N, C-alpha and C. Protein backbone atom coordinates (compact mmCIF):
# COMPACT_ATOMS: atom_id res chain seq x y z
N MET A 1 249.14 188.13 6.01
CA MET A 1 247.82 187.87 5.46
C MET A 1 247.12 188.42 6.50
N GLU A 2 246.07 189.22 6.33
CA GLU A 2 245.08 189.70 7.63
C GLU A 2 243.93 189.07 7.64
N PHE A 3 243.48 189.06 8.89
CA PHE A 3 242.44 188.18 9.42
C PHE A 3 241.12 188.33 8.05
N LYS A 4 240.83 189.67 8.08
CA LYS A 4 239.79 190.02 7.26
C LYS A 4 239.80 189.12 6.00
N ASN A 5 240.74 189.42 5.14
CA ASN A 5 240.85 188.47 3.79
C ASN A 5 240.95 187.21 4.07
N ILE A 6 241.27 186.53 4.85
CA ILE A 6 241.08 184.97 5.33
C ILE A 6 239.53 184.81 5.65
N GLU A 7 238.81 185.69 6.19
CA GLU A 7 237.51 185.59 6.56
C GLU A 7 236.83 185.81 5.15
N ASP A 8 237.17 186.94 4.22
CA ASP A 8 236.69 186.54 2.82
C ASP A 8 236.57 185.79 2.15
N LEU A 9 237.88 184.98 2.25
CA LEU A 9 238.08 183.66 1.32
C LEU A 9 237.53 182.50 1.77
N ILE A 10 237.34 182.37 3.12
CA ILE A 10 236.49 181.17 3.64
C ILE A 10 234.92 181.37 3.06
N LYS A 11 234.18 182.82 3.14
CA LYS A 11 232.89 183.11 2.77
C LYS A 11 232.70 182.40 1.10
N LEU A 12 233.73 183.01 0.42
CA LEU A 12 233.92 182.88 -1.11
C LEU A 12 234.32 181.18 -1.21
N VAL A 13 234.90 180.75 -0.45
CA VAL A 13 234.86 178.94 -0.74
C VAL A 13 233.37 178.28 -0.48
N SER A 14 233.39 178.78 0.83
CA SER A 14 231.62 178.25 1.02
C SER A 14 230.87 178.79 0.41
N GLU A 15 230.91 179.35 -0.35
CA GLU A 15 229.59 179.51 -1.25
C GLU A 15 229.77 179.29 -3.12
N SER A 16 230.88 178.60 -2.88
CA SER A 16 231.45 178.12 -4.25
C SER A 16 230.97 176.56 -4.14
N SER A 17 231.42 176.16 -5.75
CA SER A 17 231.25 174.56 -5.55
C SER A 17 232.75 174.08 -5.46
N LEU A 18 233.51 174.58 -5.13
CA LEU A 18 234.98 174.30 -4.83
C LEU A 18 235.02 173.21 -3.42
N THR A 19 235.94 172.48 -3.41
CA THR A 19 235.86 171.35 -1.98
C THR A 19 237.03 171.89 -1.50
N THR A 20 238.17 172.04 -2.41
CA THR A 20 239.20 172.55 -1.70
C THR A 20 240.27 173.86 -2.15
N PHE A 21 240.77 174.47 -1.25
CA PHE A 21 241.33 175.92 -1.69
C PHE A 21 242.64 176.03 -1.19
N GLU A 22 243.83 176.14 -1.78
CA GLU A 22 244.98 176.13 -1.17
C GLU A 22 245.94 177.57 -1.56
N MET A 23 246.48 178.17 -0.93
CA MET A 23 246.80 179.46 -1.19
C MET A 23 248.11 179.72 -0.03
N GLU A 24 249.35 179.89 -0.61
CA GLU A 24 250.54 180.51 0.18
C GLU A 24 250.98 181.88 -0.65
N GLN A 25 251.09 182.94 0.52
CA GLN A 25 251.49 183.97 0.35
C GLN A 25 252.37 184.59 1.51
N GLU A 26 253.30 185.00 1.37
CA GLU A 26 254.50 185.59 2.24
C GLU A 26 254.80 184.74 3.65
N GLY A 27 254.95 183.43 2.97
CA GLY A 27 255.35 182.47 4.28
C GLY A 27 253.89 181.83 5.24
N THR A 28 252.92 182.08 4.35
CA THR A 28 251.70 181.70 5.06
C THR A 28 250.93 180.53 4.10
N LYS A 29 250.86 179.61 4.55
CA LYS A 29 250.24 178.85 3.78
C LYS A 29 248.67 178.52 4.44
N LEU A 30 247.43 178.52 3.81
CA LEU A 30 246.36 178.66 3.87
C LEU A 30 245.24 177.55 3.08
N ILE A 31 245.06 176.44 3.92
CA ILE A 31 244.39 175.26 2.97
C ILE A 31 242.95 175.52 3.66
N LEU A 32 241.64 175.65 2.56
CA LEU A 32 240.63 175.46 2.93
C LEU A 32 239.86 174.11 2.26
N LYS A 33 239.10 173.19 3.16
CA LYS A 33 238.39 172.19 2.77
C LYS A 33 236.98 172.15 3.24
N LYS A 34 235.87 171.75 2.34
CA LYS A 34 234.96 171.49 2.63
C LYS A 34 234.52 170.19 2.21
N GLU A 35 233.54 169.66 2.82
CA GLU A 35 233.04 168.13 2.25
C GLU A 35 231.76 168.52 1.75
N ALA A 36 231.92 167.71 0.33
CA ALA A 36 230.69 168.13 -0.54
C ALA A 36 229.50 167.35 0.45
N GLN A 37 228.28 167.89 0.34
CA GLN A 37 227.34 167.61 0.71
C GLN A 37 226.36 166.53 -0.05
N ALA A 38 226.19 165.27 0.53
CA ALA A 38 225.49 164.27 0.11
C ALA A 38 224.18 164.55 -0.35
N VAL A 39 223.80 164.45 -1.41
CA VAL A 39 222.43 164.51 -1.82
C VAL A 39 221.61 163.30 -1.46
N VAL A 40 220.60 163.21 -0.55
CA VAL A 40 219.98 162.02 -0.35
C VAL A 40 218.50 162.26 -1.04
N SER A 41 218.10 161.04 -1.66
CA SER A 41 216.54 161.21 -2.06
C SER A 41 215.97 159.81 -1.99
N ALA A 42 214.90 159.71 -1.12
CA ALA A 42 214.12 158.91 -1.33
C ALA A 42 213.19 158.47 -2.05
N PRO A 43 213.16 157.17 -2.38
CA PRO A 43 212.32 156.46 -3.55
C PRO A 43 210.83 157.06 -3.16
N VAL A 44 210.19 157.58 -4.17
CA VAL A 44 208.72 158.26 -4.28
C VAL A 44 208.02 156.88 -4.99
N ALA A 45 207.08 156.59 -4.23
CA ALA A 45 205.98 155.99 -4.47
C ALA A 45 204.99 156.08 -5.35
N GLN A 46 204.85 155.95 -6.48
CA GLN A 46 203.74 156.65 -7.49
C GLN A 46 202.69 155.64 -7.41
N VAL A 47 201.25 155.94 -7.15
CA VAL A 47 200.02 155.22 -6.97
C VAL A 47 199.32 155.94 -8.54
N VAL A 48 199.26 154.38 -9.12
CA VAL A 48 198.49 154.86 -10.36
C VAL A 48 197.11 154.17 -10.37
N PRO A 49 195.87 155.24 -10.38
CA PRO A 49 194.70 154.00 -10.18
C PRO A 49 194.33 153.98 -11.54
N GLN A 50 193.71 152.46 -11.43
CA GLN A 50 193.21 151.86 -12.75
C GLN A 50 191.75 152.26 -13.13
N VAL A 51 191.57 152.71 -14.38
CA VAL A 51 190.42 153.35 -14.90
C VAL A 51 189.58 152.41 -15.87
N GLN A 52 188.66 151.92 -15.49
CA GLN A 52 187.90 151.14 -16.50
C GLN A 52 187.25 151.87 -17.65
N PHE A 53 187.27 151.68 -18.40
CA PHE A 53 186.68 152.55 -19.82
C PHE A 53 185.24 151.91 -19.88
N VAL A 54 184.42 152.72 -19.95
CA VAL A 54 182.93 152.35 -20.16
C VAL A 54 182.37 153.21 -21.08
N PRO A 55 182.09 152.55 -22.41
CA PRO A 55 181.65 153.38 -23.50
C PRO A 55 179.94 153.92 -23.22
N GLU A 56 179.80 155.10 -23.38
CA GLU A 56 178.52 156.02 -23.55
C GLU A 56 177.56 155.80 -24.54
N VAL A 57 176.59 155.33 -24.48
CA VAL A 57 175.40 155.03 -25.49
C VAL A 57 174.21 155.85 -25.32
N SER A 58 174.13 156.61 -26.53
CA SER A 58 172.77 157.46 -26.35
C SER A 58 171.72 156.81 -27.17
N ALA A 59 170.36 156.89 -26.53
CA ALA A 59 169.55 156.39 -27.19
C ALA A 59 168.83 157.33 -28.19
N VAL A 60 168.49 157.07 -29.08
CA VAL A 60 167.64 158.12 -30.03
C VAL A 60 166.39 158.15 -30.08
N PRO A 61 165.45 158.80 -29.82
CA PRO A 61 164.03 158.74 -29.52
C PRO A 61 163.55 158.04 -30.89
N ALA A 62 162.16 157.51 -30.38
CA ALA A 62 161.70 156.91 -31.54
C ALA A 62 160.98 157.75 -32.52
N ALA A 63 160.65 158.67 -32.07
CA ALA A 63 159.71 159.96 -32.97
C ALA A 63 160.80 160.22 -34.06
N ALA A 64 162.08 160.42 -33.42
CA ALA A 64 163.07 160.81 -34.73
C ALA A 64 163.39 159.94 -35.28
N VAL A 65 163.30 158.48 -35.15
CA VAL A 65 163.34 157.66 -36.24
C VAL A 65 162.41 157.53 -37.26
N GLN A 66 161.10 157.56 -36.71
CA GLN A 66 160.03 157.42 -37.70
C GLN A 66 160.12 158.64 -38.46
N ASN A 67 160.35 159.76 -38.09
CA ASN A 67 160.52 161.23 -39.07
C ASN A 67 161.64 161.04 -40.02
N GLY A 68 162.66 160.05 -39.39
CA GLY A 68 163.63 160.14 -40.80
C GLY A 68 164.67 161.32 -40.24
N ASP A 69 164.90 161.57 -39.02
CA ASP A 69 165.74 162.81 -38.88
C ASP A 69 166.94 162.33 -38.28
N VAL A 70 167.16 160.95 -37.93
CA VAL A 70 168.46 160.38 -37.70
C VAL A 70 169.57 160.58 -38.89
N GLN A 71 170.88 161.02 -38.28
CA GLN A 71 171.99 161.32 -39.43
C GLN A 71 172.59 160.27 -38.87
N MET A 72 173.29 159.21 -39.66
CA MET A 72 174.24 158.29 -39.16
C MET A 72 175.54 158.83 -39.20
N GLU A 73 176.25 158.36 -38.26
CA GLU A 73 177.89 158.97 -38.00
C GLU A 73 178.62 157.85 -38.34
N ALA A 74 179.73 158.11 -38.82
CA ALA A 74 180.93 156.56 -38.88
C ALA A 74 181.62 156.51 -37.62
N VAL A 75 181.45 155.34 -36.98
CA VAL A 75 181.68 155.43 -35.82
C VAL A 75 183.05 153.96 -35.96
N LYS A 76 184.24 154.23 -35.57
CA LYS A 76 185.19 153.34 -35.53
C LYS A 76 185.20 152.34 -34.62
N GLU A 77 185.12 151.24 -34.79
CA GLU A 77 184.68 150.01 -33.72
C GLU A 77 186.12 149.55 -33.58
N THR A 78 186.25 149.13 -32.39
CA THR A 78 187.63 148.50 -31.92
C THR A 78 187.32 147.27 -31.90
N VAL A 79 188.40 146.38 -32.63
CA VAL A 79 188.43 145.04 -32.59
C VAL A 79 188.41 144.36 -31.06
N THR A 80 187.43 143.47 -30.94
CA THR A 80 187.45 143.24 -29.21
C THR A 80 188.28 141.83 -29.58
N ASP A 81 188.26 140.88 -30.48
CA ASP A 81 188.74 139.45 -30.33
C ASP A 81 190.36 139.68 -30.75
N GLY A 82 191.34 138.88 -30.21
CA GLY A 82 192.86 138.79 -30.61
C GLY A 82 193.09 139.13 -29.19
N GLN A 83 194.65 139.31 -29.05
CA GLN A 83 195.25 139.56 -28.08
C GLN A 83 195.68 141.17 -27.82
N PHE A 84 196.19 141.63 -26.76
CA PHE A 84 196.36 143.00 -26.72
C PHE A 84 197.77 143.11 -26.34
N ILE A 85 198.66 144.19 -26.66
CA ILE A 85 199.72 144.37 -25.88
C ILE A 85 199.48 145.97 -25.35
N THR A 86 199.53 145.93 -23.88
CA THR A 86 199.09 146.83 -23.24
C THR A 86 200.72 147.60 -22.29
N SER A 87 200.25 148.78 -22.29
CA SER A 87 200.87 149.87 -21.49
C SER A 87 201.33 149.11 -20.32
N PRO A 88 202.77 149.03 -19.76
CA PRO A 88 203.10 148.90 -18.50
C PRO A 88 203.53 149.86 -17.55
N MET A 89 202.78 151.12 -18.05
CA MET A 89 203.39 152.51 -17.34
C MET A 89 202.48 153.53 -17.48
N VAL A 90 202.19 154.36 -16.72
CA VAL A 90 201.86 155.92 -17.26
C VAL A 90 202.99 156.45 -18.08
N GLY A 91 202.56 157.22 -19.16
CA GLY A 91 203.48 157.96 -20.23
C GLY A 91 202.89 158.24 -21.41
N THR A 92 203.75 159.15 -22.07
CA THR A 92 203.60 159.29 -23.39
C THR A 92 204.14 158.51 -24.59
N PHE A 93 203.02 157.90 -25.50
CA PHE A 93 203.30 156.88 -26.32
C PHE A 93 204.02 157.40 -27.72
N TYR A 94 204.87 156.83 -28.09
CA TYR A 94 205.72 157.05 -29.23
C TYR A 94 206.07 155.93 -30.22
N ALA A 95 205.37 156.17 -31.53
CA ALA A 95 205.31 155.11 -32.46
C ALA A 95 206.77 154.68 -33.09
N SER A 96 207.72 155.78 -32.70
CA SER A 96 208.90 155.65 -33.76
C SER A 96 210.15 156.19 -32.94
N SER A 97 211.24 155.81 -32.77
CA SER A 97 212.36 156.42 -31.89
C SER A 97 212.78 157.64 -32.19
N ALA A 98 212.26 158.19 -33.12
CA ALA A 98 212.32 159.76 -33.38
C ALA A 98 211.13 160.23 -34.42
N PRO A 99 211.07 161.45 -34.42
CA PRO A 99 210.05 162.21 -35.52
C PRO A 99 209.87 161.51 -36.74
N ASP A 100 211.70 161.62 -37.55
CA ASP A 100 212.19 161.47 -38.47
C ASP A 100 212.33 160.17 -39.03
N LYS A 101 211.89 159.29 -37.92
CA LYS A 101 211.99 157.82 -38.29
C LYS A 101 210.66 156.84 -38.61
N PRO A 102 210.79 155.70 -38.92
CA PRO A 102 209.46 155.17 -39.44
C PRO A 102 208.92 154.51 -38.04
N PRO A 103 207.85 154.20 -38.07
CA PRO A 103 207.29 153.56 -36.71
C PRO A 103 207.87 152.18 -36.54
N TYR A 104 207.93 151.70 -35.40
CA TYR A 104 207.88 150.39 -35.11
C TYR A 104 207.32 149.43 -35.92
N VAL A 105 206.08 149.37 -35.86
CA VAL A 105 205.20 148.74 -36.29
C VAL A 105 204.08 149.36 -37.07
N LYS A 106 203.44 148.69 -37.88
CA LYS A 106 202.18 149.27 -38.40
C LYS A 106 201.08 148.27 -38.41
N VAL A 107 199.83 148.56 -38.95
CA VAL A 107 198.97 147.63 -39.34
C VAL A 107 199.28 146.61 -40.11
N GLY A 108 199.07 145.34 -39.98
CA GLY A 108 199.58 144.28 -40.86
C GLY A 108 201.28 143.56 -40.60
N ASP A 109 201.81 144.38 -39.79
CA ASP A 109 203.02 143.75 -39.55
C ASP A 109 203.19 142.62 -38.70
N LYS A 110 203.88 141.79 -38.74
CA LYS A 110 203.58 140.63 -38.02
C LYS A 110 205.06 140.98 -36.64
N VAL A 111 204.67 140.78 -35.60
CA VAL A 111 205.35 140.80 -34.48
C VAL A 111 205.91 139.29 -33.76
N LYS A 112 207.01 139.70 -33.05
CA LYS A 112 207.34 138.08 -32.07
C LYS A 112 207.53 138.53 -30.82
N LYS A 113 207.14 137.75 -29.88
CA LYS A 113 207.13 138.39 -28.66
C LYS A 113 208.56 138.60 -28.01
N GLY A 114 208.79 139.87 -27.78
CA GLY A 114 210.03 140.63 -27.22
C GLY A 114 210.54 141.73 -28.16
N GLN A 115 209.97 141.87 -29.48
CA GLN A 115 210.00 142.83 -30.55
C GLN A 115 209.66 144.24 -29.86
N VAL A 116 210.35 145.02 -30.04
CA VAL A 116 209.93 146.32 -29.37
C VAL A 116 209.13 147.02 -30.94
N VAL A 117 207.99 147.44 -29.98
CA VAL A 117 206.59 147.99 -30.52
C VAL A 117 206.47 149.25 -30.69
N CYS A 118 207.02 150.17 -29.70
CA CYS A 118 206.90 151.54 -29.54
C CYS A 118 207.58 151.91 -28.39
N ILE A 119 207.50 153.04 -28.09
CA ILE A 119 208.10 153.84 -26.84
C ILE A 119 207.26 154.19 -25.88
N VAL A 120 207.39 154.22 -24.58
CA VAL A 120 206.44 155.13 -23.74
C VAL A 120 207.68 155.81 -23.04
N GLU A 121 207.22 157.32 -22.70
CA GLU A 121 208.19 158.05 -22.28
C GLU A 121 207.47 158.14 -20.55
N ALA A 122 208.14 158.08 -19.69
CA ALA A 122 207.78 158.35 -18.27
C ALA A 122 208.94 159.05 -17.75
N MET A 123 208.54 160.19 -17.09
CA MET A 123 209.57 160.75 -16.44
C MET A 123 210.72 161.25 -17.03
N LYS A 124 210.69 161.66 -18.62
CA LYS A 124 211.90 161.96 -19.23
C LYS A 124 212.66 160.80 -19.77
N LEU A 125 212.30 159.57 -19.04
CA LEU A 125 213.07 158.28 -19.65
C LEU A 125 212.06 157.50 -20.56
N MET A 126 213.02 157.27 -21.75
CA MET A 126 212.37 156.74 -22.87
C MET A 126 212.36 155.26 -22.40
N ASN A 127 211.25 154.13 -22.70
CA ASN A 127 211.24 153.13 -22.32
C ASN A 127 210.62 152.35 -23.65
N GLU A 128 211.63 151.15 -24.15
CA GLU A 128 211.00 150.79 -25.41
C GLU A 128 210.15 149.77 -24.69
N ILE A 129 208.86 149.52 -25.52
CA ILE A 129 207.50 148.44 -24.96
C ILE A 129 208.04 147.43 -25.99
N GLU A 130 208.03 146.25 -25.65
CA GLU A 130 208.14 144.91 -26.08
C GLU A 130 206.55 144.13 -26.35
N SER A 131 206.62 143.63 -27.66
CA SER A 131 205.95 142.78 -27.55
C SER A 131 205.54 141.61 -26.73
N THR A 132 204.21 141.28 -26.16
CA THR A 132 204.23 140.25 -25.43
C THR A 132 203.63 138.95 -25.92
N VAL A 133 203.46 139.01 -27.07
CA VAL A 133 202.68 137.98 -27.69
C VAL A 133 203.30 137.97 -29.33
N ASP A 134 202.93 136.80 -29.81
CA ASP A 134 203.47 136.75 -31.42
C ASP A 134 202.35 136.73 -32.18
N GLY A 135 202.50 137.56 -33.34
CA GLY A 135 200.96 137.42 -34.27
C GLY A 135 201.46 138.58 -35.20
N GLU A 136 200.10 139.13 -35.70
CA GLU A 136 199.86 140.31 -36.80
C GLU A 136 199.24 141.71 -36.08
N ILE A 137 199.89 142.71 -36.30
CA ILE A 137 198.97 143.92 -35.85
C ILE A 137 198.03 144.14 -36.66
N VAL A 138 196.73 144.16 -35.87
CA VAL A 138 195.37 144.53 -36.47
C VAL A 138 195.17 145.81 -36.34
N GLU A 139 195.19 146.30 -35.09
CA GLU A 139 194.91 147.89 -34.85
C GLU A 139 195.78 148.27 -33.86
N ILE A 140 195.95 149.65 -34.28
CA ILE A 140 196.95 150.38 -33.02
C ILE A 140 195.77 151.38 -32.45
N LEU A 141 195.52 151.10 -31.29
CA LEU A 141 194.42 151.90 -30.34
C LEU A 141 194.55 153.06 -29.96
N VAL A 142 196.17 153.57 -30.00
CA VAL A 142 196.55 154.95 -29.55
C VAL A 142 197.39 155.86 -30.76
N ASN A 143 197.46 157.30 -30.65
CA ASN A 143 198.07 157.85 -31.42
C ASN A 143 199.32 158.30 -31.03
N ASN A 144 200.14 158.84 -31.99
CA ASN A 144 201.48 159.15 -31.30
C ASN A 144 201.45 160.18 -30.90
N GLU A 145 202.18 160.73 -29.36
CA GLU A 145 201.93 161.43 -28.67
C GLU A 145 200.94 161.44 -27.47
N ASP A 146 200.14 160.45 -27.75
CA ASP A 146 198.73 160.02 -26.66
C ASP A 146 199.49 159.77 -25.53
N MET A 147 198.79 160.41 -24.07
CA MET A 147 199.05 159.81 -22.83
C MET A 147 198.42 158.67 -22.82
N VAL A 148 199.31 157.30 -22.14
CA VAL A 148 198.51 156.05 -21.93
C VAL A 148 198.86 155.83 -20.63
N GLU A 149 197.73 155.00 -19.99
CA GLU A 149 197.71 154.97 -18.60
C GLU A 149 198.36 153.19 -18.42
N PHE A 150 198.59 153.01 -17.20
CA PHE A 150 198.93 151.60 -16.95
C PHE A 150 197.95 150.57 -17.40
N GLY A 151 198.25 149.51 -18.09
CA GLY A 151 197.29 148.56 -18.38
C GLY A 151 196.76 148.95 -19.66
N GLN A 152 196.72 150.19 -20.21
CA GLN A 152 195.90 150.60 -21.43
C GLN A 152 196.10 149.72 -22.32
N LYS A 153 195.16 149.35 -23.39
CA LYS A 153 195.56 148.52 -24.57
C LYS A 153 196.03 149.54 -25.61
N MET A 154 197.12 148.94 -26.12
CA MET A 154 197.69 150.31 -27.10
C MET A 154 197.58 149.49 -28.74
N PHE A 155 197.68 147.96 -28.52
CA PHE A 155 197.67 147.22 -30.07
C PHE A 155 196.82 146.03 -29.73
N VAL A 156 196.15 145.81 -30.86
CA VAL A 156 195.26 144.61 -31.18
C VAL A 156 196.53 143.71 -32.19
N VAL A 157 196.65 142.10 -31.37
CA VAL A 157 197.24 141.33 -32.18
C VAL A 157 196.70 140.10 -32.48
N LYS A 158 196.42 139.45 -33.60
CA LYS A 158 195.97 138.11 -34.00
C LYS A 158 197.02 137.14 -34.38
């Protein structure tokens, strides 16, 4: 076996994912071994800012009220009494385990502490979120596939 052939084999093995290569030819035995490189990854700290939601209130001019120009809008009011199930992480909210499956819970359902109520996908991992309280779901505050923040209220339970 010629030296040039050995060099070519070394190059091929080093560029491949092989860790061991053995060859015997004309009484010459060639064994090439390489150590697999360990992939080292350090944990990444994730800083999640906490955002406080302050509803925006707009005042209607008194002149518009006197002229009768004010149009009433249907405003969905959020239930403020009761207990809340909040998101323990930042991610995407899913009401069911799959698009063709029924939601884990809906308004009017009774839930027990520890019962799965939704999924929050974070970094391609599906995390089942369990109820932290017993009671009845009176309102679902997020829509399917909405982004949720850490601590964001997702369900109102009475």
